[in-house]
Amino acid sequence: MLVFSRRRNEAVIIGDGIEIVVLSCGREGVRLGVRAPLSVPVHRKEIYEQICEENRQAAGALGAAPASEPAAAEGGGKPTRRGGR
């Protein structure tokens, strides 16, 4: 783990497009601002973990479909290629 010391209004750059800025420090904690491209999802860790767990549960529910129903009926079949790429 890389550890930084930053003061208010100082930043850390990650890669070419993610900037994390210290907005304030106080008894309640540190407030951070994140600037990132819209294509990069940014979540608090507890929310990210919740999303991952919900995805695992949804994947398990898809795998529990009765054998009489083909997987393609739920969109689980072989993907088709579109756009000529």
C-alpha atoms as a PDB file:
ATOM      1  CA  MET A   1       0.000   0.000   0.000  1.00  0.00           C
ATOM      2  CA  LEU A   2       1.263   3.428  -0.923  1.00  0.00           C
ATOM      3  CA  VAL A   3       0.666   5.999   1.841  1.00  0.00           C
ATOM      4  CA  PHE A   4       0.443   9.748   1.180  1.00  0.00           C
ATOM      5  CA  SER A   5       0.357  12.789   3.431  1.00  0.00           C
ATOM      6  CA  ARG A   6      -1.859  15.473   1.919  1.00  0.00           C
ATOM      7  CA  ARG A   7      -3.316  18.707   3.255  1.00  0.00           C
ATOM      8  CA  ARG A   8      -6.532  20.464   2.327  1.00  0.00           C
ATOM      9  CA  ASN A   9      -6.764  21.245  -1.409  1.00  0.00           C
ATOM     10  CA  GLU A  10      -3.837  18.933  -2.224  1.00  0.00           C
ATOM     11  CA  ALA A  11      -4.402  16.033  -4.593  1.00  0.00           C
ATOM     12  CA  VAL A  12      -3.232  12.607  -5.675  1.00  0.00           C
ATOM     13  CA  ILE A  13      -3.371  11.578  -9.355  1.00  0.00           C
ATOM     14  CA  ILE A  14      -4.081   7.959 -10.315  1.00  0.00           C
ATOM     15  CA  GLY A  15      -3.290   6.990 -13.891  1.00  0.00           C
ATOM     16  CA  ASP A  16      -4.118   9.548 -16.552  1.00  0.00           C
ATOM     17  CA  GLY A  17      -7.614  10.533 -15.527  1.00  0.00           C
ATOM     18  CA  ILE A  18      -8.368  10.119 -11.820  1.00  0.00           C
ATOM     19  CA  GLU A  19      -7.706  12.867  -9.300  1.00  0.00           C
ATOM     20  CA  ILE A  20      -8.430  12.600  -5.581  1.00  0.00           C
ATOM     21  CA  VAL A  21      -8.505  15.912  -3.701  1.00  0.00           C
ATOM     22  CA  VAL A  22      -8.569  16.428   0.073  1.00  0.00           C
ATOM     23  CA  LEU A  23     -11.503  18.780   0.646  1.00  0.00           C
ATOM     24  CA  SER A  24     -11.419  18.986   4.440  1.00  0.00           C
ATOM     25  CA  CYS A  25     -10.164  17.259   7.570  1.00  0.00           C
ATOM     26  CA  GLY A  26     -11.960  17.249  10.891  1.00  0.00           C
ATOM     27  CA  ARG A  27     -13.092  15.207  13.867  1.00  0.00           C
ATOM     28  CA  GLU A  28     -15.707  13.444  11.758  1.00  0.00           C
ATOM     29  CA  GLY A  29     -13.146  12.292   9.202  1.00  0.00           C
ATOM     30  CA  VAL A  30     -11.607  13.351   5.931  1.00  0.00           C
ATOM     31  CA  ARG A  31     -13.726  14.558   3.002  1.00  0.00           C
ATOM     32  CA  LEU A  32     -12.343  13.582  -0.385  1.00  0.00           C
ATOM     33  CA  GLY A  33     -13.342  14.693  -3.850  1.00  0.00           C
ATOM     34  CA  VAL A  34     -12.859  12.391  -6.827  1.00  0.00           C
ATOM     35  CA  ARG A  35     -12.568  13.582 -10.425  1.00  0.00           C
ATOM     36  CA  ALA A  36     -12.741  10.697 -12.884  1.00  0.00           C
ATOM     37  CA  PRO A  37     -13.983  10.074 -16.415  1.00  0.00           C
ATOM     38  CA  LEU A  38     -17.677   9.150 -16.576  1.00  0.00           C
ATOM     39  CA  SER A  39     -16.619   5.739 -17.906  1.00  0.00           C
ATOM     40  CA  VAL A  40     -14.903   4.956 -14.576  1.00  0.00           C
ATOM     41  CA  PRO A  41     -17.309   3.866 -11.821  1.00  0.00           C
ATOM     42  CA  VAL A  42     -16.517   5.369  -8.415  1.00  0.00           C
ATOM     43  CA  HIS A  43     -18.091   3.840  -5.290  1.00  0.00           C
ATOM     44  CA  ARG A  44     -17.462   3.808  -1.552  1.00  0.00           C
ATOM     45  CA  LYS A  45     -15.994   0.416  -0.661  1.00  0.00           C
ATOM     46  CA  GLU A  46     -19.062  -0.766   1.282  1.00  0.00           C
ATOM     47  CA  ILE A  47     -21.306   0.057  -1.688  1.00  0.00           C
ATOM     48  CA  TYR A  48     -18.923  -1.719  -4.090  1.00  0.00           C
ATOM     49  CA  GLU A  49     -18.977  -4.829  -1.893  1.00  0.00           C
ATOM     50  CA  GLN A  50     -22.790  -4.723  -1.788  1.00  0.00           C
ATOM     51  CA  ILE A  51     -22.939  -4.499  -5.591  1.00  0.00           C
ATOM     52  CA  CYS A  52     -20.558  -7.470  -5.899  1.00  0.00           C
ATOM     53  CA  GLU A  53     -22.650  -9.544  -3.483  1.00  0.00           C
ATOM     54  CA  GLU A  54     -25.874  -8.732  -5.345  1.00  0.00           C
ATOM     55  CA  ASN A  55     -24.191  -9.707  -8.620  1.00  0.00           C
ATOM     56  CA  ARG A  56     -23.076 -13.038  -7.095  1.00  0.00           C
ATOM     57  CA  GLN A  57     -26.623 -13.715  -5.880  1.00  0.00           C
ATOM     58  CA  ALA A  58     -28.104 -12.837  -9.274  1.00  0.00           C
ATOM     59  CA  ALA A  59     -25.613 -15.110 -11.030  1.00  0.00           C
ATOM     60  CA  GLY A  60     -26.524 -17.912  -8.637  1.00  0.00           C
ATOM     61  CA  ALA A  61     -30.225 -17.371  -9.299  1.00  0.00           C
ATOM     62  CA  LEU A  62     -29.631 -17.661 -13.056  1.00  0.00           C
ATOM     63  CA  GLY A  63     -27.732 -20.912 -12.551  1.00  0.00           C
ATOM     64  CA  ALA A  64     -30.637 -22.329 -10.525  1.00  0.00           C
ATOM     65  CA  ALA A  65     -33.092 -22.267 -13.481  1.00  0.00           C
ATOM     66  CA  PRO A  66     -34.987 -25.535 -14.017  1.00  0.00           C
ATOM     67  CA  ALA A  67     -33.348 -27.903 -16.523  1.00  0.00           C
ATOM     68  CA  SER A  68     -36.478 -27.803 -18.723  1.00  0.00           C
ATOM     69  CA  GLU A  69     -35.834 -24.135 -19.557  1.00  0.00           C
ATOM     70  CA  PRO A  70     -32.985 -23.479 -21.980  1.00  0.00           C
ATOM     71  CA  ALA A  71     -30.384 -20.968 -20.801  1.00  0.00           C
ATOM     72  CA  ALA A  72     -30.852 -18.947 -24.004  1.00  0.00           C
ATOM     73  CA  ALA A  73     -34.377 -18.054 -22.860  1.00  0.00           C
ATOM     74  CA  GLU A  74     -32.847 -15.877 -20.151  1.00  0.00           C
ATOM     75  CA  GLY A  75     -30.220 -14.349 -22.390  1.00  0.00           C
ATOM     76  CA  GLY A  76     -27.590 -16.809 -21.207  1.00  0.00           C
ATOM     77  CA  GLY A  77     -26.963 -18.328 -24.626  1.00  0.00           C
ATOM     78  CA  LYS A  78     -23.988 -17.782 -26.883  1.00  0.00           C
ATOM     79  CA  PRO A  79     -23.527 -14.056 -27.602  1.00  0.00           C
ATOM     80  CA  THR A  80     -24.081 -12.953 -31.172  1.00  0.00           C
ATOM     81  CA  ARG A  81     -21.673 -10.671 -32.928  1.00  0.00           C
ATOM     82  CA  ARG A  82     -23.108  -7.471 -34.351  1.00  0.00           C
ATOM     83  CA  GLY A  83     -21.732  -4.572 -36.288  1.00  0.00           C
ATOM     84  CA  GLY A  84     -19.313  -6.615 -38.415  1.00  0.00           C
ATOM     85  CA  ARG A  85     -16.404  -6.273 -35.989  1.00  0.00           C
END
